[in-house]
Amino acid sequence: RGFKHSTNDYSLFYKKQGESSVFVAVYVDDV
């Protein structure tokens, strides 16, 4: 979907395109 994982915490993913930003934090099966 175009997301990348954070290099500072692999449980954090983000997708940035221009002014759009979406973040996903994962802890096992809770998101």
PDB file of all heavy atoms in Angstrom:
ATOM      1  N   ARG A   1       0.822  -1.217   0.000  1.00  0.00           N
ATOM      2  CA  ARG A   1       0.000   0.000   0.000  1.00  0.00           C
ATOM      3  C   ARG A   1       0.853   1.263   0.000  1.00  0.00           C
ATOM      4  O   ARG A   1       0.332   2.368   0.101  1.00  0.00           O
ATOM      5  CB  ARG A   1      -0.911   0.021   1.224  1.00  0.00           C
ATOM      6  CG  ARG A   1      -1.952  -1.072   1.263  1.00  0.00           C
ATOM      7  CD  ARG A   1      -3.126  -0.769   0.373  1.00  0.00           C
ATOM      8  NE  ARG A   1      -3.760   0.526   0.663  1.00  0.00           N
ATOM      9  CZ  ARG A   1      -4.757   1.036  -0.035  1.00  0.00           C
ATOM     10  NH1 ARG A   1      -5.239   0.358  -1.079  1.00  0.00           N
ATOM     11  NH2 ARG A   1      -5.283   2.195   0.281  1.00  0.00           N
ATOM     12  N   GLY A   2       2.167   1.101  -0.098  1.00  0.00           N
ATOM     13  CA  GLY A   2       3.048   2.261  -0.140  1.00  0.00           C
ATOM     14  C   GLY A   2       3.576   2.696   1.205  1.00  0.00           C
ATOM     15  O   GLY A   2       4.200   3.763   1.313  1.00  0.00           O
ATOM     16  N   PHE A   3       3.361   1.898   2.237  1.00  0.00           N
ATOM     17  CA  PHE A   3       3.856   2.245   3.570  1.00  0.00           C
ATOM     18  C   PHE A   3       5.318   1.842   3.718  1.00  0.00           C
ATOM     19  O   PHE A   3       5.803   0.923   3.062  1.00  0.00           O
ATOM     20  CB  PHE A   3       3.023   1.557   4.657  1.00  0.00           C
ATOM     21  CG  PHE A   3       1.705   2.218   4.925  1.00  0.00           C
ATOM     22  CD1 PHE A   3       0.609   1.979   4.098  1.00  0.00           C
ATOM     23  CD2 PHE A   3       1.556   3.075   6.002  1.00  0.00           C
ATOM     24  CE1 PHE A   3      -0.617   2.581   4.342  1.00  0.00           C
ATOM     25  CE2 PHE A   3       0.338   3.679   6.260  1.00  0.00           C
ATOM     26  CZ  PHE A   3      -0.751   3.443   5.427  1.00  0.00           C
ATOM     27  N   LYS A   4       6.004   2.531   4.617  1.00  0.00           N
ATOM     28  CA  LYS A   4       7.375   2.207   4.986  1.00  0.00           C
ATOM     29  C   LYS A   4       7.416   2.021   6.490  1.00  0.00           C
ATOM     30  O   LYS A   4       6.623   2.610   7.214  1.00  0.00           O
ATOM     31  CB  LYS A   4       8.334   3.332   4.595  1.00  0.00           C
ATOM     32  CG  LYS A   4       8.398   3.628   3.108  1.00  0.00           C
ATOM     33  CD  LYS A   4       9.352   4.775   2.837  1.00  0.00           C
ATOM     34  CE  LYS A   4       9.419   5.104   1.342  1.00  0.00           C
ATOM     35  NZ  LYS A   4      10.326   6.253   1.081  1.00  0.00           N
ATOM     36  N   HIS A   5       8.359   1.182   6.947  1.00  0.00           N
ATOM     37  CA  HIS A   5       8.489   1.041   8.398  1.00  0.00           C
ATOM     38  C   HIS A   5       9.482   2.068   8.935  1.00  0.00           C
ATOM     39  O   HIS A   5      10.429   2.460   8.247  1.00  0.00           O
ATOM     40  CB  HIS A   5       8.922  -0.379   8.793  1.00  0.00           C
ATOM     41  CG  HIS A   5      10.299  -0.742   8.357  1.00  0.00           C
ATOM     42  ND1 HIS A   5      10.551  -1.630   7.346  1.00  0.00           N
ATOM     43  CD2 HIS A   5      11.518  -0.340   8.793  1.00  0.00           C
ATOM     44  CE1 HIS A   5      11.842  -1.755   7.170  1.00  0.00           C
ATOM     45  NE2 HIS A   5      12.454  -0.979   8.037  1.00  0.00           N
ATOM     46  N   SER A   6       9.241   2.505  10.126  1.00  0.00           N
ATOM     47  CA  SER A   6      10.128   3.463  10.767  1.00  0.00           C
ATOM     48  C   SER A   6      11.464   2.799  11.070  1.00  0.00           C
ATOM     49  O   SER A   6      11.518   1.652  11.502  1.00  0.00           O
ATOM     50  CB  SER A   6       9.502   3.965  12.072  1.00  0.00           C
ATOM     51  OG  SER A   6      10.447   4.646  12.868  1.00  0.00           O
ATOM     52  N   THR A   7      12.546   3.527  10.846  1.00  0.00           N
ATOM     53  CA  THR A   7      13.866   2.998  11.182  1.00  0.00           C
ATOM     54  C   THR A   7      14.154   3.126  12.676  1.00  0.00           C
ATOM     55  O   THR A   7      15.122   2.553  13.172  1.00  0.00           O
ATOM     56  CB  THR A   7      14.952   3.749  10.399  1.00  0.00           C
ATOM     57  OG1 THR A   7      14.831   5.164  10.654  1.00  0.00           O
ATOM     58  CG2 THR A   7      14.818   3.507   8.906  1.00  0.00           C
ATOM     59  N   ASN A   8      13.318   3.875  13.388  1.00  0.00           N
ATOM     60  CA  ASN A   8      13.513   4.051  14.828  1.00  0.00           C
ATOM     61  C   ASN A   8      12.695   3.063  15.648  1.00  0.00           C
ATOM     62  O   ASN A   8      13.019   2.787  16.794  1.00  0.00           O
ATOM     63  CB  ASN A   8      13.132   5.483  15.227  1.00  0.00           C
ATOM     64  CG  ASN A   8      13.986   6.516  14.528  1.00  0.00           C
ATOM     65  OD1 ASN A   8      15.189   6.561  14.726  1.00  0.00           O
ATOM     66  ND2 ASN A   8      13.367   7.337  13.689  1.00  0.00           N
ATOM     67  N   ASP A   9      11.616   2.537  15.071  1.00  0.00           N
ATOM     68  CA  ASP A   9      10.793   1.537  15.738  1.00  0.00           C
ATOM     69  C   ASP A   9      10.064   0.755  14.655  1.00  0.00           C
ATOM     70  O   ASP A   9       9.200   1.299  13.975  1.00  0.00           O
ATOM     71  CB  ASP A   9       9.797   2.202  16.698  1.00  0.00           C
ATOM     72  CG  ASP A   9       9.082   1.183  17.562  1.00  0.00           C
ATOM     73  OD1 ASP A   9       8.976   0.007  17.149  1.00  0.00           O
ATOM     74  OD2 ASP A   9       8.627   1.553  18.653  1.00  0.00           O
ATOM     75  N   TYR A  10      10.400  -0.515  14.513  1.00  0.00           N
ATOM     76  CA  TYR A  10       9.854  -1.313  13.417  1.00  0.00           C
ATOM     77  C   TYR A  10       8.375  -1.639  13.602  1.00  0.00           C
ATOM     78  O   TYR A  10       7.752  -2.228  12.724  1.00  0.00           O
ATOM     79  CB  TYR A  10      10.665  -2.613  13.260  1.00  0.00           C
ATOM     80  CG  TYR A  10      11.852  -2.440  12.331  1.00  0.00           C
ATOM     81  CD1 TYR A  10      12.801  -1.468  12.568  1.00  0.00           C
ATOM     82  CD2 TYR A  10      12.006  -3.246  11.216  1.00  0.00           C
ATOM     83  CE1 TYR A  10      13.889  -1.298  11.727  1.00  0.00           C
ATOM     84  CE2 TYR A  10      13.082  -3.095  10.356  1.00  0.00           C
ATOM     85  CZ  TYR A  10      14.027  -2.114  10.618  1.00  0.00           C
ATOM     86  OH  TYR A  10      15.101  -1.950   9.770  1.00  0.00           O
ATOM     87  N   SER A  11       7.800  -1.271  14.758  1.00  0.00           N
ATOM     88  CA  SER A  11       6.367  -1.465  14.942  1.00  0.00           C
ATOM     89  C   SER A  11       5.564  -0.272  14.435  1.00  0.00           C
ATOM     90  O   SER A  11       4.340  -0.269  14.514  1.00  0.00           O
ATOM     91  CB  SER A  11       6.056  -1.698  16.419  1.00  0.00           C
ATOM     92  OG  SER A  11       6.361  -0.541  17.174  1.00  0.00           O
ATOM     93  N   LEU A  12       6.243   0.746  13.913  1.00  0.00           N
ATOM     94  CA  LEU A  12       5.578   1.940  13.392  1.00  0.00           C
ATOM     95  C   LEU A  12       5.762   2.002  11.878  1.00  0.00           C
ATOM     96  O   LEU A  12       6.876   1.888  11.368  1.00  0.00           O
ATOM     97  CB  LEU A  12       6.165   3.200  14.039  1.00  0.00           C
ATOM     98  CG  LEU A  12       5.594   4.539  13.564  1.00  0.00           C
ATOM     99  CD1 LEU A  12       4.128   4.670  13.972  1.00  0.00           C
ATOM    100  CD2 LEU A  12       6.415   5.704  14.131  1.00  0.00           C
ATOM    101  N   PHE A  13       4.651   2.190  11.137  1.00  0.00           N
ATOM    102  CA  PHE A  13       4.670   2.321   9.684  1.00  0.00           C
ATOM    103  C   PHE A  13       4.068   3.675   9.314  1.00  0.00           C
ATOM    104  O   PHE A  13       3.216   4.202  10.034  1.00  0.00           O
ATOM    105  CB  PHE A  13       3.863   1.199   9.022  1.00  0.00           C
ATOM    106  CG  PHE A  13       4.398  -0.179   9.271  1.00  0.00           C
ATOM    107  CD1 PHE A  13       4.089  -0.867  10.446  1.00  0.00           C
ATOM    108  CD2 PHE A  13       5.213  -0.808   8.348  1.00  0.00           C
ATOM    109  CE1 PHE A  13       4.566  -2.141  10.681  1.00  0.00           C
ATOM    110  CE2 PHE A  13       5.702  -2.085   8.565  1.00  0.00           C
ATOM    111  CZ  PHE A  13       5.379  -2.746   9.737  1.00  0.00           C
ATOM    112  N   TYR A  14       4.505   4.222   8.181  1.00  0.00           N
ATOM    113  CA  TYR A  14       3.957   5.506   7.748  1.00  0.00           C
ATOM    114  C   TYR A  14       3.922   5.579   6.224  1.00  0.00           C
ATOM    115  O   TYR A  14       4.670   4.896   5.517  1.00  0.00           O
ATOM    116  CB  TYR A  14       4.774   6.674   8.308  1.00  0.00           C
ATOM    117  CG  TYR A  14       6.219   6.701   7.869  1.00  0.00           C
ATOM    118  CD1 TYR A  14       6.614   7.284   6.662  1.00  0.00           C
ATOM    119  CD2 TYR A  14       7.214   6.140   8.676  1.00  0.00           C
ATOM    120  CE1 TYR A  14       7.938   7.308   6.254  1.00  0.00           C
ATOM    121  CE2 TYR A  14       8.541   6.159   8.281  1.00  0.00           C
ATOM    122  CZ  TYR A  14       8.897   6.745   7.076  1.00  0.00           C
ATOM    123  OH  TYR A  14      10.214   6.757   6.683  1.00  0.00           O
ATOM    124  N   LYS A  15       3.013   6.438   5.743  1.00  0.00           N
ATOM    125  CA  LYS A  15       2.896   6.711   4.317  1.00  0.00           C
ATOM    126  C   LYS A  15       2.723   8.218   4.150  1.00  0.00           C
ATOM    127  O   LYS A  15       1.772   8.798   4.657  1.00  0.00           O
ATOM    128  CB  LYS A  15       1.690   5.972   3.718  1.00  0.00           C
ATOM    129  CG  LYS A  15       1.496   6.201   2.221  1.00  0.00           C
ATOM    130  CD  LYS A  15       0.293   5.415   1.699  1.00  0.00           C
ATOM    131  CE  LYS A  15       0.096   5.628   0.199  1.00  0.00           C
ATOM    132  NZ  LYS A  15      -1.078   4.866  -0.299  1.00  0.00           N
ATOM    133  N   LYS A  16       3.668   8.839   3.465  1.00  0.00           N
ATOM    134  CA  LYS A  16       3.654  10.290   3.286  1.00  0.00           C
ATOM    135  C   LYS A  16       3.671  10.619   1.801  1.00  0.00           C
ATOM    136  O   LYS A  16       4.553  10.151   1.073  1.00  0.00           O
ATOM    137  CB  LYS A  16       4.865  10.931   3.969  1.00  0.00           C
ATOM    138  CG  LYS A  16       4.955  10.669   5.464  1.00  0.00           C
ATOM    139  CD  LYS A  16       6.230  11.234   6.069  1.00  0.00           C
ATOM    140  CE  LYS A  16       6.362  10.879   7.539  1.00  0.00           C
ATOM    141  NZ  LYS A  16       7.640  11.349   8.119  1.00  0.00           N
ATOM    142  N   GLN A  17       2.700  11.402   1.380  1.00  0.00           N
ATOM    143  CA  GLN A  17       2.616  11.871  -0.004  1.00  0.00           C
ATOM    144  C   GLN A  17       2.143  13.319   0.007  1.00  0.00           C
ATOM    145  O   GLN A  17       0.956  13.581   0.242  1.00  0.00           O
ATOM    146  CB  GLN A  17       1.651  11.005  -0.820  1.00  0.00           C
ATOM    147  CG  GLN A  17       2.130   9.596  -1.090  1.00  0.00           C
ATOM    148  CD  GLN A  17       1.136   8.778  -1.893  1.00  0.00           C
ATOM    149  OE1 GLN A  17      -0.061   9.055  -1.870  1.00  0.00           O
ATOM    150  NE2 GLN A  17       1.611   7.770  -2.608  1.00  0.00           N
ATOM    151  N   GLY A  18       3.077  14.225  -0.208  1.00  0.00           N
ATOM    152  CA  GLY A  18       2.713  15.635  -0.164  1.00  0.00           C
ATOM    153  C   GLY A  18       2.241  16.038   1.218  1.00  0.00           C
ATOM    154  O   GLY A  18       2.937  15.853   2.225  1.00  0.00           O
ATOM    155  N   GLU A  19       1.018  16.578   1.274  1.00  0.00           N
ATOM    156  CA  GLU A  19       0.438  16.992   2.552  1.00  0.00           C
ATOM    157  C   GLU A  19      -0.242  15.839   3.285  1.00  0.00           C
ATOM    158  O   GLU A  19      -0.687  16.001   4.426  1.00  0.00           O
ATOM    159  CB  GLU A  19      -0.594  18.117   2.315  1.00  0.00           C
ATOM    160  CG  GLU A  19      -0.013  19.378   1.709  1.00  0.00           C
ATOM    161  CD  GLU A  19       0.992  20.043   2.638  1.00  0.00           C
ATOM    162  OE1 GLU A  19       0.750  20.044   3.864  1.00  0.00           O
ATOM    163  OE2 GLU A  19       2.024  20.550   2.145  1.00  0.00           O
ATOM    164  N   SER A  20      -0.335  14.691   2.628  1.00  0.00           N
ATOM    165  CA  SER A  20      -1.010  13.533   3.235  1.00  0.00           C
ATOM    166  C   SER A  20      -0.018  12.690   4.034  1.00  0.00           C
ATOM    167  O   SER A  20       1.072  12.366   3.558  1.00  0.00           O
ATOM    168  CB  SER A  20      -1.649  12.671   2.137  1.00  0.00           C
ATOM    169  OG  SER A  20      -2.093  11.442   2.663  1.00  0.00           O
ATOM    170  N   SER A  21      -0.423  12.330   5.256  1.00  0.00           N
ATOM    171  CA  SER A  21       0.396  11.479   6.124  1.00  0.00           C
ATOM    172  C   SER A  21      -0.511  10.531   6.898  1.00  0.00           C
ATOM    173  O   SER A  21      -1.503  10.970   7.484  1.00  0.00           O
ATOM    174  CB  SER A  21       1.215  12.322   7.105  1.00  0.00           C
ATOM    175  OG  SER A  21       2.071  13.209   6.430  1.00  0.00           O
ATOM    176  N   VAL A  22      -0.162   9.256   6.884  1.00  0.00           N
ATOM    177  CA  VAL A  22      -0.911   8.254   7.641  1.00  0.00           C
ATOM    178  C   VAL A  22       0.101   7.407   8.412  1.00  0.00           C
ATOM    179  O   VAL A  22       1.128   6.995   7.860  1.00  0.00           O
ATOM    180  CB  VAL A  22      -1.762   7.351   6.721  1.00  0.00           C
ATOM    181  CG1 VAL A  22      -2.460   6.261   7.533  1.00  0.00           C
ATOM    182  CG2 VAL A  22      -2.795   8.179   5.979  1.00  0.00           C
ATOM    183  N   PHE A  23      -0.196   7.150   9.698  1.00  0.00           N
ATOM    184  CA  PHE A  23       0.703   6.378  10.558  1.00  0.00           C
ATOM    185  C   PHE A  23      -0.037   5.165  11.114  1.00  0.00           C
ATOM    186  O   PHE A  23      -1.212   5.250  11.467  1.00  0.00           O
ATOM    187  CB  PHE A  23       1.220   7.247  11.703  1.00  0.00           C
ATOM    188  CG  PHE A  23       2.049   8.413  11.254  1.00  0.00           C
ATOM    189  CD1 PHE A  23       1.451   9.639  10.991  1.00  0.00           C
ATOM    190  CD2 PHE A  23       3.414   8.281  11.082  1.00  0.00           C
ATOM    191  CE1 PHE A  23       2.202  10.718  10.568  1.00  0.00           C
ATOM    192  CE2 PHE A  23       4.171   9.359  10.653  1.00  0.00           C
ATOM    193  CZ  PHE A  23       3.564  10.575  10.395  1.00  0.00           C
ATOM    194  N   VAL A  24       0.690   4.053  11.184  1.00  0.00           N
ATOM    195  CA  VAL A  24       0.128   2.803  11.705  1.00  0.00           C
ATOM    196  C   VAL A  24       1.086   2.269  12.759  1.00  0.00           C
ATOM    197  O   VAL A  24       2.256   2.003  12.470  1.00  0.00           O
ATOM    198  CB  VAL A  24      -0.055   1.762  10.584  1.00  0.00           C
ATOM    199  CG1 VAL A  24      -0.589   0.455  11.162  1.00  0.00           C
ATOM    200  CG2 VAL A  24      -0.981   2.283   9.499  1.00  0.00           C
ATOM    201  N   ALA A  25       0.590   2.119  13.987  1.00  0.00           N
ATOM    202  CA  ALA A  25       1.377   1.533  15.074  1.00  0.00           C
ATOM    203  C   ALA A  25       0.813   0.158  15.391  1.00  0.00           C
ATOM    204  O   ALA A  25      -0.397   0.004  15.566  1.00  0.00           O
ATOM    205  CB  ALA A  25       1.343   2.421  16.308  1.00  0.00           C
ATOM    206  N   VAL A  26       1.681  -0.845  15.454  1.00  0.00           N
ATOM    207  CA  VAL A  26       1.247  -2.235  15.606  1.00  0.00           C
ATOM    208  C   VAL A  26       1.835  -2.826  16.880  1.00  0.00           C
ATOM    209  O   VAL A  26       3.038  -2.693  17.139  1.00  0.00           O
ATOM    210  CB  VAL A  26       1.694  -3.086  14.399  1.00  0.00           C
ATOM    211  CG1 VAL A  26       1.210  -4.523  14.552  1.00  0.00           C
ATOM    212  CG2 VAL A  26       1.193  -2.490  13.105  1.00  0.00           C
ATOM    213  N   TYR A  27       0.995  -3.441  17.688  1.00  0.00           N
ATOM    214  CA  TYR A  27       1.459  -4.229  18.833  1.00  0.00           C
ATOM    215  C   TYR A  27       0.745  -5.577  18.764  1.00  0.00           C
ATOM    216  O   TYR A  27      -0.405  -5.709  19.158  1.00  0.00           O
ATOM    217  CB  TYR A  27       1.152  -3.516  20.150  1.00  0.00           C
ATOM    218  CG  TYR A  27       1.866  -4.123  21.333  1.00  0.00           C
ATOM    219  CD1 TYR A  27       3.080  -3.609  21.772  1.00  0.00           C
ATOM    220  CD2 TYR A  27       1.337  -5.229  21.998  1.00  0.00           C
ATOM    221  CE1 TYR A  27       3.739  -4.168  22.856  1.00  0.00           C
ATOM    222  CE2 TYR A  27       1.986  -5.794  23.078  1.00  0.00           C
ATOM    223  CZ  TYR A  27       3.189  -5.263  23.501  1.00  0.00           C
ATOM    224  OH  TYR A  27       3.851  -5.821  24.575  1.00  0.00           O
ATOM    225  N   VAL A  28       1.433  -6.563  18.207  1.00  0.00           N
ATOM    226  CA  VAL A  28       0.893  -7.905  17.949  1.00  0.00           C
ATOM    227  C   VAL A  28      -0.341  -7.780  17.048  1.00  0.00           C
ATOM    228  O   VAL A  28      -0.207  -7.494  15.868  1.00  0.00           O
ATOM    229  CB  VAL A  28       0.578  -8.667  19.251  1.00  0.00           C
ATOM    230  CG1 VAL A  28       0.269 -10.143  18.919  1.00  0.00           C
ATOM    231  CG2 VAL A  28       1.770  -8.622  20.211  1.00  0.00           C
ATOM    232  N   ASP A  29      -1.555  -7.936  17.583  1.00  0.00           N
ATOM    233  CA  ASP A  29      -2.749  -7.867  16.730  1.00  0.00           C
ATOM    234  C   ASP A  29      -3.573  -6.609  16.996  1.00  0.00           C
ATOM    235  O   ASP A  29      -4.690  -6.490  16.488  1.00  0.00           O
ATOM    236  CB  ASP A  29      -3.615  -9.114  16.917  1.00  0.00           C
ATOM    237  CG  ASP A  29      -4.041  -9.315  18.367  1.00  0.00           C
ATOM    238  OD1 ASP A  29      -3.539  -8.576  19.237  1.00  0.00           O
ATOM    239  OD2 ASP A  29      -4.860 -10.210  18.629  1.00  0.00           O
ATOM    240  N   ASP A  30      -3.059  -5.695  17.803  1.00  0.00           N
ATOM    241  CA  ASP A  30      -3.723  -4.416  18.046  1.00  0.00           C
ATOM    242  C   ASP A  30      -3.050  -3.335  17.218  1.00  0.00           C
ATOM    243  O   ASP A  30      -1.819  -3.223  17.208  1.00  0.00           O
ATOM    244  CB  ASP A  30      -3.677  -4.044  19.526  1.00  0.00           C
ATOM    245  CG  ASP A  30      -4.566  -4.936  20.362  1.00  0.00           C
ATOM    246  OD1 ASP A  30      -5.762  -5.027  20.043  1.00  0.00           O
ATOM    247  OD2 ASP A  30      -4.067  -5.556  21.324  1.00  0.00           O
ATOM    248  N   VAL A  31      -3.869  -2.526  16.537  1.00  0.00           N
ATOM    249  CA  VAL A  31      -3.339  -1.559  15.578  1.00  0.00           C
ATOM    250  C   VAL A  31      -3.954  -0.185  15.847  1.00  0.00           C
ATOM    251  O   VAL A  31      -5.168  -0.075  16.037  1.00  0.00           O
ATOM    252  CB  VAL A  31      -3.646  -1.993  14.123  1.00  0.00           C
ATOM    253  CG1 VAL A  31      -3.053  -0.997  13.131  1.00  0.00           C
ATOM    254  CG2 VAL A  31      -3.110  -3.397  13.857  1.00  0.00           C
TER     255      VAL A  31
END
